[in-house]
Amino acid sequence: MFKKKSQGDELALLPVSSEDIERVRERCRGLVRKRAAISAGVSVIPVPGVDIVADLSSFAVMVEEINRAFGLSPEQIDRLQPRMRIATYQAVAAIGSTLVGKIVTKELVLKLLQKSGAKLAAKSAAKIVPLAGQVASAAIGFALFRQMGYQHIDACTRVAREVAAAPA
């Protein structure tokens, strides 16, 4: 089920069975869809830039929630047994993720959003056209937010699977 290490009254949970990992993955995908829909709703506001500020905050919080769901927040990793902690950091390094097991800041999220610059520019530019532009901006925002969220879930899933396969 989950590997646990107790430290005081707190437990660090790391899904280790395929079923547990898949359950966490699906729950997180639902969270991403919900947050992406909220992002799309904010995108309808006809003021350029408002949606980007909201997306930065929302995405940072969502990534932290996903990390926690997989047992991969910095605090949870620090509470793992030394072998598990090493295996986790090795798995994170192997996939090259910039968000798994890290403290997520708005600046870090902004850098990731800038990598998706063309979509971000299209989203902002679309707002100039009344109504149709707002709808296009919302659709682009939803797709971008969902894509980035799913990529993070996939990274967490790969880390969890590698850690689960690591010798105990």
Protein backbone atom coordinates (compact mmCIF):
# COMPACT_ATOMS: atom_id res chain seq x y z
CA MET A 1 0.00 0.00 0.00
CA PHE A 2 1.98 3.04 1.24
CA LYS A 3 5.42 3.16 2.80
CA LYS A 4 5.29 4.96 6.12
CA LYS A 5 7.82 6.39 8.50
CA SER A 6 6.55 7.87 11.67
CA GLN A 7 8.22 10.93 13.16
CA GLY A 8 6.26 12.30 16.04
CA ASP A 9 2.59 12.21 15.17
CA GLU A 10 3.10 12.79 11.45
CA LEU A 11 3.41 10.17 8.73
CA ALA A 12 5.07 10.52 5.34
CA LEU A 13 3.05 8.54 2.82
CA LEU A 14 4.44 7.40 -0.47
CA PRO A 15 2.22 5.29 -2.75
CA VAL A 16 4.13 2.16 -3.73
CA SER A 17 1.69 -0.27 -5.32
CA SER A 18 0.60 0.25 -8.92
CA GLU A 19 -2.99 0.55 -7.73
CA ASP A 20 -2.14 3.23 -5.15
CA ILE A 21 -0.06 5.20 -7.65
CA GLU A 22 -2.85 5.02 -10.25
CA ARG A 23 -5.47 6.07 -7.68
CA VAL A 24 -3.40 9.12 -6.67
CA ARG A 25 -2.73 9.91 -10.35
CA GLU A 26 -6.43 9.89 -11.24
CA ARG A 27 -7.37 11.97 -8.19
CA CYS A 28 -4.74 14.55 -9.15
CA ARG A 29 -5.90 14.62 -12.78
CA GLY A 30 -9.37 15.55 -11.47
CA LEU A 31 -7.79 18.34 -9.42
CA VAL A 32 -5.98 19.62 -12.53
CA ARG A 33 -9.18 19.64 -14.60
CA LYS A 34 -10.99 21.55 -11.86
CA ARG A 35 -8.19 24.12 -11.55
CA ALA A 36 -7.92 24.43 -15.35
CA ALA A 37 -11.64 25.20 -15.51
CA ILE A 38 -11.20 27.91 -12.89
CA SER A 39 -8.27 29.28 -14.89
CA ALA A 40 -10.45 29.36 -18.00
CA GLY A 41 -13.13 31.23 -16.06
CA VAL A 42 -10.62 33.86 -14.95
CA SER A 43 -9.41 34.14 -18.56
CA VAL A 44 -12.83 35.47 -19.58
CA ILE A 45 -12.15 38.64 -17.59
CA PRO A 46 -11.31 41.17 -20.34
CA VAL A 47 -8.34 42.72 -18.50
CA PRO A 48 -4.99 41.53 -19.90
CA GLY A 49 -2.66 40.12 -17.26
CA VAL A 50 -5.24 39.33 -14.57
CA ASP A 51 -5.44 35.72 -15.68
CA ILE A 52 -1.66 35.28 -15.66
CA VAL A 53 -1.36 36.48 -12.07
CA ALA A 54 -4.22 34.20 -11.02
CA ASP A 55 -2.70 31.27 -12.95
CA LEU A 56 0.69 31.69 -11.23
CA SER A 57 -0.81 31.46 -7.77
CA SER A 58 -3.26 28.70 -8.63
CA PHE A 59 -0.68 26.58 -10.44
CA ALA A 60 1.87 26.90 -7.61
CA VAL A 61 -0.72 25.77 -5.05
CA MET A 62 -1.89 22.94 -7.31
CA VAL A 63 1.66 21.63 -7.82
CA GLU A 64 2.20 21.59 -4.06
CA GLU A 65 -1.06 19.66 -3.62
CA ILE A 66 -0.02 17.13 -6.27
CA ASN A 67 3.42 16.72 -4.66
CA ARG A 68 1.75 16.11 -1.28
CA ALA A 69 -0.72 13.62 -2.78
CA PHE A 70 2.20 11.58 -4.12
CA GLY A 71 4.16 11.93 -0.87
CA LEU A 72 6.71 14.06 -2.72
CA SER A 73 6.61 17.41 -0.96
CA PRO A 74 9.99 18.48 0.46
CA GLU A 75 8.73 17.90 4.02
CA GLN A 76 7.43 14.41 3.22
CA ILE A 77 10.63 13.40 1.47
CA ASP A 78 12.67 14.62 4.45
CA ARG A 79 10.65 12.33 6.74
CA LEU A 80 11.32 9.21 4.67
CA GLN A 81 13.79 6.57 5.79
CA PRO A 82 17.28 7.41 4.46
CA ARG A 83 17.24 4.73 1.73
CA MET A 84 13.82 5.81 0.52
CA ARG A 85 14.85 9.48 0.62
CA ILE A 86 17.92 8.74 -1.51
CA ALA A 87 15.88 6.64 -3.95
CA THR A 88 13.34 9.47 -4.22
CA TYR A 89 15.96 12.14 -4.92
CA GLN A 90 17.64 9.86 -7.47
CA ALA A 91 14.33 9.29 -9.24
CA VAL A 92 13.60 13.03 -9.26
CA ALA A 93 17.05 13.74 -10.71
CA ALA A 94 16.66 10.98 -13.31
CA ILE A 95 13.49 12.45 -14.77
CA GLY A 96 14.83 16.00 -14.60
CA SER A 97 11.71 17.53 -13.08
CA THR A 98 11.90 21.09 -11.82
CA LEU A 99 8.82 20.82 -9.58
CA VAL A 100 8.74 17.34 -8.02
CA GLY A 101 9.97 17.43 -4.44
CA LYS A 102 10.70 21.15 -4.56
CA ILE A 103 9.28 24.21 -2.89
CA VAL A 104 7.21 25.79 -5.63
CA THR A 105 7.46 29.54 -6.02
CA LYS A 106 5.59 31.88 -8.34
CA GLU A 107 8.94 32.68 -9.99
CA LEU A 108 9.55 29.00 -10.77
CA VAL A 109 6.05 28.67 -12.22
CA LEU A 110 6.57 31.85 -14.28
CA LYS A 111 9.71 30.33 -15.82
CA LEU A 112 7.71 27.26 -16.81
CA LEU A 113 4.94 29.40 -18.26
CA GLN A 114 7.50 31.36 -20.25
CA LYS A 115 8.59 28.10 -21.89
CA SER A 116 5.05 27.95 -23.22
CA GLY A 117 5.43 31.51 -24.48
CA ALA A 118 3.61 31.17 -27.80
CA LYS A 119 0.43 29.84 -26.19
CA LEU A 120 0.68 32.44 -23.43
CA ALA A 121 1.05 35.25 -25.98
CA ALA A 122 -1.90 33.91 -27.98
CA LYS A 123 -3.97 33.78 -24.82
CA SER A 124 -3.22 37.41 -23.98
CA ALA A 125 -3.57 38.64 -27.57
CA ALA A 126 -6.91 36.90 -27.96
CA LYS A 127 -8.40 39.17 -25.30
CA ILE A 128 -8.16 42.14 -27.65
CA VAL A 129 -10.99 40.75 -29.79
CA PRO A 130 -14.30 41.20 -27.94
CA LEU A 131 -16.20 38.09 -26.82
CA ALA A 132 -14.71 35.63 -29.34
CA GLY A 133 -11.25 36.59 -28.10
CA GLN A 134 -12.28 36.00 -24.51
CA VAL A 135 -13.63 32.57 -25.38
CA ALA A 136 -10.42 31.74 -27.27
CA SER A 137 -8.35 33.01 -24.35
CA ALA A 138 -10.31 30.81 -21.95
CA ALA A 139 -9.87 27.76 -24.20
CA ILE A 140 -6.13 28.37 -24.57
CA GLY A 141 -5.79 28.95 -20.82
CA PHE A 142 -7.66 25.75 -19.99
CA ALA A 143 -5.54 23.68 -22.40
CA LEU A 144 -2.24 25.19 -21.23
CA PHE A 145 -3.06 24.82 -17.52
CA ARG A 146 -4.27 21.24 -18.00
CA GLN A 147 -1.27 20.26 -20.11
CA MET A 148 1.22 21.61 -17.58
CA GLY A 149 -0.67 20.00 -14.69
CA TYR A 150 -0.80 16.62 -16.44
CA GLN A 151 2.93 16.83 -17.19
CA HIS A 152 3.62 17.37 -13.50
CA ILE A 153 1.39 14.43 -12.56
CA ASP A 154 3.22 12.24 -15.08
CA ALA A 155 6.56 13.27 -13.54
CA CYS A 156 5.30 12.46 -10.03
CA THR A 157 3.94 9.14 -11.28
CA ARG A 158 7.32 8.20 -12.79
CA VAL A 159 9.12 9.12 -9.55
CA ALA A 160 6.64 7.12 -7.45
CA ARG A 161 7.01 4.08 -9.72
CA GLU A 162 10.82 4.26 -9.61
CA VAL A 163 10.83 4.61 -5.83
CA ALA A 164 8.38 1.70 -5.52
CA ALA A 165 10.70 -0.45 -7.63
CA ALA A 166 13.77 0.52 -5.57
CA PRO A 167 15.06 -2.16 -3.17
CA ALA A 168 13.89 -1.55 0.39
